N, C-alpha and C. Protein backbone atom coordinates (compact mmCIF):
# COMPACT_ATOMS: atom_id res chain seq x y z
N UNK A 1 -43.21 12.61 -22.71
CA UNK A 1 -41.90 13.34 -22.42
C UNK A 1 -41.60 12.99 -20.79
N UNK A 2 -42.72 12.39 -20.05
CA UNK A 2 -42.38 12.06 -18.83
C UNK A 2 -41.57 10.67 -18.67
N UNK A 3 -41.81 9.95 -19.75
CA UNK A 3 -41.08 8.65 -19.73
C UNK A 3 -39.36 9.05 -20.02
N UNK A 4 -39.06 9.98 -20.65
CA UNK A 4 -37.95 10.22 -20.98
C UNK A 4 -37.03 10.84 -19.76
N UNK A 5 -37.87 11.71 -19.30
CA UNK A 5 -37.54 12.36 -17.61
C UNK A 5 -37.04 11.39 -16.76
N UNK A 6 -37.79 10.25 -16.81
CA UNK A 6 -37.61 9.19 -15.91
C UNK A 6 -36.38 8.45 -16.06
N UNK A 7 -36.17 8.18 -17.46
CA UNK A 7 -34.82 7.40 -17.78
C UNK A 7 -33.87 8.20 -18.06
N UNK A 8 -33.92 9.43 -17.80
CA UNK A 8 -32.61 10.38 -17.45
C UNK A 8 -32.56 10.82 -16.22
N UNK A 9 -33.31 10.74 -15.17
CA UNK A 9 -33.41 10.61 -13.76
C UNK A 9 -32.90 9.76 -13.15
N UNK A 10 -33.28 8.40 -13.26
CA UNK A 10 -32.78 7.27 -12.79
C UNK A 10 -31.05 7.29 -12.87
N UNK A 11 -30.69 7.40 -14.08
CA UNK A 11 -28.92 7.31 -13.97
C UNK A 11 -28.36 8.43 -13.34
N UNK A 12 -29.01 9.71 -13.52
CA UNK A 12 -28.24 10.75 -12.78
C UNK A 12 -28.27 10.39 -11.22
N UNK A 13 -29.45 9.96 -10.90
CA UNK A 13 -29.72 9.65 -9.43
C UNK A 13 -28.56 8.58 -8.78
N UNK A 14 -28.27 7.56 -9.78
CA UNK A 14 -26.99 6.24 -9.50
C UNK A 14 -25.71 7.16 -9.27
N UNK A 15 -25.39 7.88 -10.27
CA UNK A 15 -24.28 8.57 -10.31
C UNK A 15 -23.99 9.58 -9.25
N UNK A 16 -25.08 10.47 -8.75
CA UNK A 16 -25.00 11.11 -7.49
C UNK A 16 -24.74 10.27 -6.40
N UNK A 17 -25.43 9.43 -6.27
CA UNK A 17 -25.38 8.40 -4.93
C UNK A 17 -23.78 7.73 -5.03
N UNK A 18 -23.40 7.49 -6.14
CA UNK A 18 -22.06 6.73 -5.98
C UNK A 18 -21.12 7.87 -5.96
N UNK A 19 -21.22 9.11 -6.14
CA UNK A 19 -20.22 10.35 -5.77
C UNK A 19 -20.29 10.20 -4.40
N UNK A 20 -21.56 10.59 -3.83
CA UNK A 20 -21.60 10.77 -2.22
C UNK A 20 -21.03 9.64 -1.56
N UNK A 21 -21.22 8.26 -2.09
CA UNK A 21 -20.54 7.14 -1.19
C UNK A 21 -19.10 7.38 -1.50
N UNK A 22 -18.48 7.50 -2.40
CA UNK A 22 -16.97 7.60 -2.64
C UNK A 22 -16.66 9.00 -1.61
N UNK A 23 -17.44 9.81 -1.50
CA UNK A 23 -17.02 11.12 -0.83
C UNK A 23 -16.82 10.80 0.70
N UNK A 24 -17.64 9.74 1.00
CA UNK A 24 -17.67 9.49 2.62
C UNK A 24 -16.91 8.23 2.67
N UNK A 25 -15.72 8.07 2.55
CA UNK A 25 -14.79 6.92 2.34
C UNK A 25 -14.56 6.46 3.84
N UNK A 26 -14.80 5.12 4.07
CA UNK A 26 -14.65 4.54 5.55
C UNK A 26 -13.44 4.58 5.76
N UNK A 27 -13.08 4.89 7.40
CA UNK A 27 -11.70 4.60 7.75
C UNK A 27 -11.37 3.18 7.64
N UNK A 28 -9.69 3.16 7.12
CA UNK A 28 -9.26 1.64 6.89
C UNK A 28 -9.32 0.96 8.38
N UNK A 29 -9.79 -0.04 8.10
CA UNK A 29 -9.49 -1.14 9.44
C UNK A 29 -8.45 -2.14 9.15
N UNK A 30 -7.18 -1.71 9.52
CA UNK A 30 -5.95 -2.23 9.20
C UNK A 30 -5.64 -3.39 10.66
N UNK A 31 -6.32 -3.63 11.47
CA UNK A 31 -5.87 -4.23 12.70
C UNK A 31 -6.10 -5.74 12.58
N UNK A 32 -6.96 -6.16 11.39
CA UNK A 32 -6.82 -7.65 11.25
C UNK A 32 -6.35 -7.85 10.03
N UNK A 33 -5.22 -8.75 9.77
CA UNK A 33 -4.58 -8.55 8.25
C UNK A 33 -5.68 -9.68 7.28
N UNK A 34 -5.62 -8.88 6.28
CA UNK A 34 -6.59 -9.79 5.29
C UNK A 34 -5.87 -9.91 4.12
N UNK A 35 -5.71 -11.07 3.17
CA UNK A 35 -4.88 -11.36 2.19
C UNK A 35 -5.68 -12.04 1.12
N UNK A 36 -6.82 -12.32 1.13
CA UNK A 36 -7.70 -12.89 0.19
C UNK A 36 -7.94 -12.02 -0.91
N UNK A 37 -7.36 -12.05 -2.11
CA UNK A 37 -7.70 -11.06 -3.31
C UNK A 37 -9.04 -11.60 -4.06
N UNK A 38 -9.95 -10.61 -4.07
CA UNK A 38 -11.22 -11.00 -4.75
C UNK A 38 -10.89 -10.84 -6.37
N UNK A 39 -11.87 -11.95 -6.91
CA UNK A 39 -11.59 -12.03 -8.49
C UNK A 39 -11.89 -10.79 -9.11
N UNK A 40 -12.91 -9.75 -8.62
CA UNK A 40 -13.12 -8.57 -9.67
C UNK A 40 -11.84 -7.70 -9.44
N UNK A 41 -11.29 -7.70 -8.14
CA UNK A 41 -10.29 -6.69 -7.73
C UNK A 41 -8.95 -7.00 -8.77
N UNK A 42 -8.83 -8.50 -8.86
CA UNK A 42 -7.68 -8.91 -9.27
C UNK A 42 -7.91 -8.85 -10.71
N UNK A 43 -8.97 -8.75 -11.40
CA UNK A 43 -9.38 -8.56 -12.78
C UNK A 43 -8.66 -7.07 -13.21
N UNK A 44 -9.34 -6.17 -12.27
CA UNK A 44 -9.24 -4.91 -12.38
C UNK A 44 -7.63 -4.52 -12.15
N UNK A 45 -6.84 -5.16 -11.30
CA UNK A 45 -5.48 -4.90 -11.24
C UNK A 45 -4.82 -5.13 -12.38
N UNK A 46 -5.00 -6.38 -12.92
CA UNK A 46 -4.39 -6.80 -14.16
C UNK A 46 -4.58 -5.94 -15.35
N UNK A 47 -5.88 -5.67 -15.39
CA UNK A 47 -6.33 -4.96 -16.81
C UNK A 47 -5.89 -3.29 -16.34
N UNK A 48 -5.91 -2.82 -15.44
CA UNK A 48 -5.91 -1.29 -15.33
C UNK A 48 -4.54 -1.11 -14.65
N UNK A 49 -4.42 -1.40 -13.37
CA UNK A 49 -3.31 -0.79 -12.70
C UNK A 49 -2.04 -1.48 -12.81
N UNK A 50 -2.17 -2.71 -13.32
CA UNK A 50 -0.70 -3.37 -13.78
C UNK A 50 0.25 -2.62 -14.22
N UNK A 51 -0.48 -1.61 -15.40
CA UNK A 51 0.64 -0.83 -16.21
C UNK A 51 1.27 0.12 -15.69
N UNK A 52 0.73 0.48 -14.30
CA UNK A 52 1.69 1.40 -13.61
C UNK A 52 3.02 0.63 -12.63
N UNK A 53 3.06 -0.65 -12.88
CA UNK A 53 4.01 -1.39 -12.03
C UNK A 53 4.99 -2.10 -12.90
N UNK A 54 6.21 -2.32 -12.41
CA UNK A 54 7.11 -3.28 -13.00
C UNK A 54 6.82 -4.58 -12.23
N UNK A 55 7.08 -5.48 -13.03
CA UNK A 55 6.40 -6.82 -12.82
C UNK A 55 7.66 -7.85 -12.87
N UNK A 56 7.88 -8.66 -11.73
CA UNK A 56 8.83 -9.62 -11.55
C UNK A 56 7.86 -10.94 -11.33
N UNK A 57 8.23 -12.08 -12.16
CA UNK A 57 7.64 -13.28 -12.27
C UNK A 57 8.39 -13.99 -11.22
N UNK A 58 8.07 -14.59 -10.36
CA UNK A 58 8.96 -15.69 -9.44
C UNK A 58 8.23 -17.00 -9.49
N UNK A 59 8.74 -17.47 -10.74
CA UNK A 59 8.05 -19.00 -10.99
C UNK A 59 8.41 -20.04 -10.02
N UNK A 60 9.47 -20.09 -9.30
CA UNK A 60 9.93 -20.70 -8.10
C UNK A 60 8.73 -20.63 -6.95
N UNK A 61 8.08 -19.66 -6.54
CA UNK A 61 7.19 -19.42 -5.56
C UNK A 61 5.77 -19.34 -6.12
N UNK A 62 5.34 -19.39 -7.43
CA UNK A 62 4.50 -19.26 -7.78
C UNK A 62 3.83 -17.92 -7.76
N UNK A 63 4.58 -16.99 -7.73
CA UNK A 63 4.17 -15.64 -7.22
C UNK A 63 4.62 -14.61 -8.27
N UNK A 64 4.03 -13.38 -8.18
CA UNK A 64 4.09 -12.28 -8.93
C UNK A 64 4.45 -11.00 -8.20
N UNK A 65 5.57 -10.57 -8.39
CA UNK A 65 5.87 -9.27 -7.37
C UNK A 65 5.78 -7.94 -8.31
N UNK A 66 4.94 -6.90 -7.84
CA UNK A 66 4.90 -5.68 -8.73
C UNK A 66 5.27 -4.72 -7.85
N UNK A 67 6.28 -3.74 -8.46
CA UNK A 67 6.89 -2.45 -7.67
C UNK A 67 6.18 -1.20 -8.50
N UNK A 68 5.76 -0.19 -7.85
CA UNK A 68 5.11 0.90 -8.59
C UNK A 68 6.37 1.57 -9.52
N UNK A 69 5.90 1.63 -11.02
CA UNK A 69 6.86 2.12 -11.77
C UNK A 69 7.47 3.80 -11.40
N UNK A 70 6.67 4.50 -11.16
CA UNK A 70 7.27 5.92 -10.71
C UNK A 70 7.79 6.02 -9.06
N UNK A 71 8.00 5.03 -8.79
CA UNK A 71 8.86 5.19 -7.28
C UNK A 71 10.18 5.79 -7.57
N UNK A 72 10.92 6.49 -6.40
CA UNK A 72 12.24 7.23 -6.84
C UNK A 72 13.04 6.02 -6.93
N UNK A 73 14.11 6.52 -7.87
CA UNK A 73 15.05 5.59 -8.08
C UNK A 73 16.09 5.69 -7.13
N UNK A 74 16.62 4.30 -6.51
CA UNK A 74 17.10 4.12 -5.38
C UNK A 74 18.87 4.33 -5.41
N UNK A 75 19.27 5.22 -4.64
CA UNK A 75 20.77 5.74 -4.75
C UNK A 75 21.59 4.71 -3.53
N UNK A 76 22.44 3.90 -3.96
CA UNK A 76 22.89 3.10 -3.27
C UNK A 76 23.95 3.62 -1.93
N UNK A 77 23.81 4.98 -1.84
CA UNK A 77 24.43 5.55 -0.85
C UNK A 77 23.39 5.86 0.76
N UNK A 78 22.03 5.79 0.25
CA UNK A 78 21.01 6.16 1.17
C UNK A 78 20.31 4.90 1.47
N UNK A 79 19.30 4.99 2.22
CA UNK A 79 18.15 4.16 2.81
C UNK A 79 16.85 4.49 2.28
N UNK A 80 16.33 3.41 1.59
CA UNK A 80 14.95 3.85 0.87
C UNK A 80 13.67 2.88 1.43
N UNK A 81 12.86 3.22 1.70
CA UNK A 81 11.78 2.16 1.87
C UNK A 81 10.77 2.33 0.72
N UNK A 82 10.08 1.10 0.41
CA UNK A 82 9.37 1.01 -1.02
C UNK A 82 8.15 -0.46 -0.46
N UNK A 83 7.24 -0.28 -1.22
CA UNK A 83 6.18 -1.21 -0.92
C UNK A 83 6.02 -2.22 -2.29
N UNK A 84 5.93 -3.37 -2.09
CA UNK A 84 5.94 -4.25 -3.34
C UNK A 84 4.35 -5.06 -2.70
N UNK A 85 4.10 -5.29 -4.22
CA UNK A 85 2.65 -6.06 -3.93
C UNK A 85 3.31 -7.34 -4.44
N UNK A 86 2.61 -8.34 -3.82
CA UNK A 86 2.94 -9.90 -4.07
C UNK A 86 1.76 -10.44 -4.33
N UNK A 87 1.68 -11.17 -5.51
CA UNK A 87 0.25 -11.68 -5.93
C UNK A 87 0.56 -13.32 -6.24
N UNK A 88 -0.44 -14.05 -5.50
CA UNK A 88 -0.28 -15.63 -5.71
C UNK A 88 -1.43 -16.02 -6.36
N UNK A 89 -1.41 -16.21 -7.72
CA UNK A 89 -2.52 -16.55 -8.45
C UNK A 89 -3.07 -17.85 -8.11
N UNK A 90 -2.38 -18.83 -7.66
CA UNK A 90 -2.68 -20.33 -7.11
C UNK A 90 -3.42 -20.22 -6.07
N UNK A 91 -2.97 -19.40 -5.11
CA UNK A 91 -3.75 -19.26 -3.65
C UNK A 91 -5.20 -18.07 -3.77
N UNK A 92 -5.23 -17.35 -4.94
CA UNK A 92 -5.98 -16.24 -4.79
C UNK A 92 -5.56 -14.98 -3.52
N UNK A 93 -4.29 -14.85 -3.33
CA UNK A 93 -4.00 -14.03 -2.11
C UNK A 93 -2.94 -13.01 -2.73
N UNK A 94 -3.10 -11.87 -2.05
CA UNK A 94 -2.34 -10.80 -2.33
C UNK A 94 -1.60 -10.50 -0.98
N UNK A 95 -0.25 -9.96 -1.12
CA UNK A 95 0.39 -9.57 0.36
C UNK A 95 1.08 -8.37 -0.20
N UNK A 96 1.34 -7.59 0.95
CA UNK A 96 2.38 -6.37 0.74
C UNK A 96 3.57 -6.82 1.51
N UNK A 97 4.55 -6.17 0.79
CA UNK A 97 5.80 -6.07 1.55
C UNK A 97 6.70 -4.96 1.62
N UNK A 98 7.16 -4.84 2.66
CA UNK A 98 7.80 -3.54 3.08
C UNK A 98 9.48 -3.73 2.76
N UNK A 99 9.83 -3.12 1.82
CA UNK A 99 11.37 -3.52 0.94
C UNK A 99 12.10 -2.16 1.65
N UNK A 100 13.00 -2.58 2.36
CA UNK A 100 14.07 -1.58 3.13
C UNK A 100 15.38 -1.59 2.03
N UNK A 101 15.42 -0.73 1.45
CA UNK A 101 16.90 -0.79 0.44
C UNK A 101 18.08 -0.04 0.98
N UNK A 102 19.28 -0.48 1.29
CA UNK A 102 20.38 0.08 1.71
C UNK A 102 20.77 -0.12 2.74
N UNK A 103 20.45 -1.08 3.54
CA UNK A 103 20.64 -1.46 5.26
C UNK A 103 21.60 -2.58 5.17
N UNK A 104 22.60 -2.50 5.51
CA UNK A 104 23.45 -3.63 5.71
C UNK A 104 22.95 -4.95 6.43
N UNK A 105 22.42 -4.34 7.47
CA UNK A 105 21.72 -5.54 8.48
C UNK A 105 20.24 -5.18 8.65
N UNK A 106 19.59 -6.08 8.01
CA UNK A 106 18.09 -5.88 8.09
C UNK A 106 17.28 -6.85 9.13
N UNK A 107 18.05 -7.48 9.98
CA UNK A 107 17.26 -8.18 10.83
C UNK A 107 16.22 -7.60 11.89
N UNK A 108 16.83 -6.66 12.28
CA UNK A 108 15.58 -5.78 13.33
C UNK A 108 16.04 -4.30 13.22
N UNK A 109 14.95 -3.56 12.84
CA UNK A 109 15.22 -2.08 12.96
C UNK A 109 13.70 -1.91 13.95
N UNK A 110 13.90 -0.37 14.30
CA UNK A 110 12.96 0.27 14.81
C UNK A 110 12.16 1.50 13.94
N UNK A 111 11.09 1.35 13.69
CA UNK A 111 10.42 2.55 12.76
C UNK A 111 9.70 3.41 13.96
N UNK A 112 9.82 4.68 13.97
CA UNK A 112 9.38 5.69 14.66
C UNK A 112 8.52 6.52 13.84
N UNK A 113 7.30 6.71 14.42
CA UNK A 113 6.29 7.40 13.53
C UNK A 113 5.66 8.49 14.30
N UNK A 114 5.79 9.78 13.59
CA UNK A 114 5.27 10.96 14.35
C UNK A 114 4.09 11.60 13.60
N UNK A 115 2.96 11.45 14.05
CA UNK A 115 1.76 11.80 13.56
C UNK A 115 1.12 13.24 14.10
N UNK A 116 0.54 14.01 13.71
CA UNK A 116 0.32 15.41 14.29
C UNK A 116 -0.16 15.22 15.76
N UNK A 117 -0.83 14.08 16.08
CA UNK A 117 -1.39 14.01 17.39
C UNK A 117 -0.89 13.02 18.26
N UNK A 118 0.16 12.20 17.55
CA UNK A 118 1.00 11.02 18.48
C UNK A 118 2.07 10.76 17.74
N UNK A 119 2.86 9.98 18.71
CA UNK A 119 4.27 9.41 18.27
C UNK A 119 4.36 7.78 18.78
N UNK A 120 4.89 6.99 18.00
CA UNK A 120 4.83 5.84 18.39
C UNK A 120 6.05 4.98 17.61
N UNK A 121 6.31 3.59 18.23
CA UNK A 121 7.40 2.93 17.57
C UNK A 121 7.10 1.54 17.57
N UNK A 122 7.54 1.07 16.11
CA UNK A 122 7.31 -0.57 16.07
C UNK A 122 8.46 -0.97 15.58
N UNK A 123 8.80 -2.10 16.30
CA UNK A 123 9.91 -3.11 15.84
C UNK A 123 9.66 -3.91 14.44
N UNK A 124 10.44 -3.81 13.64
CA UNK A 124 10.12 -4.76 12.64
C UNK A 124 11.36 -5.31 12.37
N UNK A 125 11.36 -6.77 12.12
CA UNK A 125 12.13 -7.47 11.76
C UNK A 125 12.12 -8.38 10.59
N UNK A 126 11.77 -7.86 9.46
CA UNK A 126 11.27 -8.37 8.07
C UNK A 126 11.09 -9.97 8.42
N UNK A 127 9.64 -10.08 9.26
CA UNK A 127 9.21 -11.36 9.39
C UNK A 127 8.16 -11.69 8.44
N UNK A 128 6.89 -12.14 9.20
CA UNK A 128 5.95 -12.61 8.32
C UNK A 128 5.14 -11.79 7.37
N UNK A 129 4.51 -12.12 6.86
CA UNK A 129 3.51 -11.38 5.67
C UNK A 129 2.29 -10.66 6.83
N UNK A 130 2.18 -11.32 7.68
CA UNK A 130 0.97 -10.44 8.91
C UNK A 130 1.79 -9.09 9.43
N UNK A 131 3.21 -9.57 9.94
CA UNK A 131 3.89 -8.37 10.39
C UNK A 131 4.17 -7.18 9.24
N UNK A 132 4.51 -7.52 7.85
CA UNK A 132 4.66 -6.63 6.94
C UNK A 132 3.16 -5.88 6.70
N UNK A 133 2.13 -6.68 6.63
CA UNK A 133 0.60 -5.94 6.70
C UNK A 133 0.72 -4.91 7.87
N UNK A 134 0.81 -5.20 8.88
CA UNK A 134 0.70 -4.27 10.18
C UNK A 134 1.77 -3.20 9.95
N UNK A 135 2.77 -3.53 9.55
CA UNK A 135 3.90 -2.16 9.77
C UNK A 135 3.38 -1.24 8.50
N UNK A 136 3.25 -2.02 7.34
CA UNK A 136 2.76 -1.22 6.35
C UNK A 136 1.62 -0.22 6.51
N UNK A 137 0.63 -0.99 6.96
CA UNK A 137 -0.65 -0.27 7.58
C UNK A 137 -0.46 1.01 8.48
N UNK A 138 0.70 0.91 9.45
CA UNK A 138 0.84 2.05 10.14
C UNK A 138 1.68 2.99 9.51
N UNK A 139 2.78 2.68 8.70
CA UNK A 139 3.16 3.43 7.68
C UNK A 139 2.39 4.33 7.07
N UNK A 140 1.53 3.65 6.19
CA UNK A 140 0.26 4.32 5.66
C UNK A 140 -0.58 5.42 6.06
N UNK A 141 -1.11 4.71 7.64
CA UNK A 141 -1.83 5.82 8.08
C UNK A 141 -1.10 7.20 8.68
N UNK A 142 0.30 6.99 8.65
CA UNK A 142 1.00 7.97 9.34
C UNK A 142 1.39 8.99 8.03
N UNK A 143 1.90 8.24 7.02
CA UNK A 143 2.03 9.22 5.58
C UNK A 143 0.71 9.79 5.22
N UNK A 144 -0.38 9.60 5.52
CA UNK A 144 -1.63 9.69 4.94
C UNK A 144 -2.05 10.90 5.81
N UNK A 145 -1.68 10.85 7.03
CA UNK A 145 -2.03 12.18 8.08
C UNK A 145 -1.02 13.03 7.85
N UNK A 146 -0.08 13.08 7.08
CA UNK A 146 1.06 13.96 6.93
C UNK A 146 2.42 13.71 8.06
N UNK A 147 2.42 12.55 8.60
CA UNK A 147 3.59 12.32 9.60
C UNK A 147 4.61 12.11 8.95
N UNK A 148 5.67 11.70 10.04
CA UNK A 148 7.13 11.49 9.52
C UNK A 148 7.44 10.17 9.86
N UNK A 149 8.53 9.51 9.46
CA UNK A 149 9.00 8.13 9.48
C UNK A 149 10.37 8.13 9.84
N UNK A 150 10.86 7.81 10.83
CA UNK A 150 12.19 7.61 11.21
C UNK A 150 12.66 6.01 11.34
N UNK A 151 13.72 5.47 10.63
CA UNK A 151 14.20 4.19 10.96
C UNK A 151 15.35 4.32 11.72
N UNK A 152 15.62 3.59 12.78
CA UNK A 152 16.76 3.48 13.53
C UNK A 152 17.05 1.90 13.54
N UNK A 153 18.62 1.55 13.20
CA UNK A 153 19.04 0.26 13.09
C UNK A 153 19.38 -0.05 14.54
N UNK A 154 19.75 -1.22 14.62
CA UNK A 154 20.27 -2.03 16.09
C UNK A 154 21.56 -1.35 16.52
N UNK A 155 22.35 -0.84 15.44
CA UNK A 155 23.60 -0.06 15.68
C UNK A 155 23.26 1.35 16.16
N UNK A 156 21.90 1.84 15.94
CA UNK A 156 21.54 3.21 16.54
C UNK A 156 21.56 4.19 15.54
N UNK A 157 22.12 3.82 14.39
CA UNK A 157 22.09 4.62 13.24
C UNK A 157 20.63 5.08 12.75
N UNK A 158 20.43 6.47 12.48
CA UNK A 158 19.05 6.73 12.18
C UNK A 158 18.76 7.33 10.79
N UNK A 159 17.70 6.98 10.02
CA UNK A 159 17.54 7.52 8.94
C UNK A 159 15.87 7.85 8.56
N UNK A 160 15.86 9.07 7.96
CA UNK A 160 14.46 9.33 7.88
C UNK A 160 14.00 8.57 6.77
N UNK A 161 12.76 8.39 6.51
CA UNK A 161 12.20 7.44 5.47
C UNK A 161 11.17 8.30 4.83
N UNK A 162 10.85 7.91 3.44
CA UNK A 162 9.86 8.43 2.51
C UNK A 162 9.51 9.93 2.99
N UNK A 163 10.74 10.72 2.83
CA UNK A 163 10.50 12.15 2.77
C UNK A 163 10.13 13.09 1.75
N UNK A 164 10.39 12.47 0.48
CA UNK A 164 10.16 13.06 -0.64
C UNK A 164 8.59 12.92 -1.19
N UNK A 165 7.88 13.90 -1.94
CA UNK A 165 6.56 13.52 -2.23
C UNK A 165 6.72 12.48 -2.99
N UNK A 166 7.44 12.36 -4.02
CA UNK A 166 7.47 11.13 -5.14
C UNK A 166 7.48 9.69 -4.11
N UNK A 167 8.24 9.84 -3.32
CA UNK A 167 8.41 8.35 -2.36
C UNK A 167 7.03 8.39 -1.54
N UNK A 168 6.69 9.25 -0.85
CA UNK A 168 5.34 8.96 -0.18
C UNK A 168 4.35 8.61 -1.34
N UNK A 169 4.15 9.47 -2.33
CA UNK A 169 3.19 9.13 -3.19
C UNK A 169 3.11 7.70 -3.66
N UNK A 170 4.47 7.10 -4.12
CA UNK A 170 4.61 5.94 -4.67
C UNK A 170 4.00 4.78 -3.50
N UNK A 171 4.39 4.99 -2.33
CA UNK A 171 4.00 4.18 -1.12
C UNK A 171 2.56 3.91 -0.90
N UNK A 172 2.16 5.33 -1.01
CA UNK A 172 0.68 5.30 -0.74
C UNK A 172 -0.22 4.76 -1.84
N UNK A 173 0.54 5.12 -2.99
CA UNK A 173 -0.36 4.34 -4.14
C UNK A 173 -0.31 2.85 -4.08
N UNK A 174 0.79 2.40 -3.87
CA UNK A 174 1.04 0.96 -3.90
C UNK A 174 -0.08 0.20 -3.02
N UNK A 175 0.07 1.06 -1.78
CA UNK A 175 -0.84 0.30 -0.52
C UNK A 175 -2.34 0.55 -0.98
N UNK A 176 -2.57 1.61 -1.42
CA UNK A 176 -4.04 2.05 -2.00
C UNK A 176 -4.42 0.48 -2.97
N UNK A 177 -3.49 0.31 -3.76
CA UNK A 177 -3.80 -0.93 -4.70
C UNK A 177 -4.02 -2.09 -4.05
N UNK A 178 -2.92 -2.25 -3.06
CA UNK A 178 -3.27 -3.30 -2.18
C UNK A 178 -4.58 -3.49 -1.46
N UNK A 179 -4.85 -2.75 -0.94
CA UNK A 179 -6.27 -2.45 0.05
C UNK A 179 -7.32 -3.03 -1.15
N UNK A 180 -7.26 -2.29 -2.31
CA UNK A 180 -8.19 -2.76 -3.20
C UNK A 180 -8.33 -3.94 -3.56
N UNK A 181 -7.23 -4.74 -3.62
CA UNK A 181 -7.02 -6.04 -4.03
C UNK A 181 -7.76 -6.84 -3.18
N UNK A 182 -7.42 -6.67 -1.78
CA UNK A 182 -8.00 -7.25 -0.60
C UNK A 182 -9.57 -7.35 -0.35
N UNK A 183 -10.07 -5.91 -0.81
CA UNK A 183 -11.40 -5.34 -0.62
C UNK A 183 -11.52 -4.67 0.52
N UNK A 184 -10.18 -4.16 1.19
CA UNK A 184 -10.51 -3.15 2.19
C UNK A 184 -10.69 -1.67 1.90
N UNK A 185 -10.92 -1.46 0.51
CA UNK A 185 -11.25 -0.27 -0.03
C UNK A 185 -12.25 -0.61 -1.16
């Protein structure tokens, strides 16, 4: 009887430890950009998470673009932000790209973020993957803390971003999947 108790208690102990480890999730460190996709995370994404995304193959660049399937549909009369995952199987890298839809001039915008305890702004010029990583990371932390985002164009027009719960959820889910791909979660 004692043998059976040991065989039951050991797996139960591992499950309890896993639950406790996941409950005390570490704070994301988004100060240092990371793009190397781990093999196990890439396999998990392709086998499990890819079903939640629309896939666009970019054979010319050797990349695959993924957009969350349950994102809000874009109305051409509005401005919308969404996150797209870019996976390069040749390089074993994953990138996140902030897509701003509905802006005639996307060269340079100002993103103002208001969190419960702080307010700050970031200039975004549609630049490098490092810039996309840092800006989407700031947006992620703002939205995760219940904050608000305001986009200001070079002409001074202002647009609130990610105000609907479906837009926020789609953005946060895409970034969670990206962070898992590159081993930050």
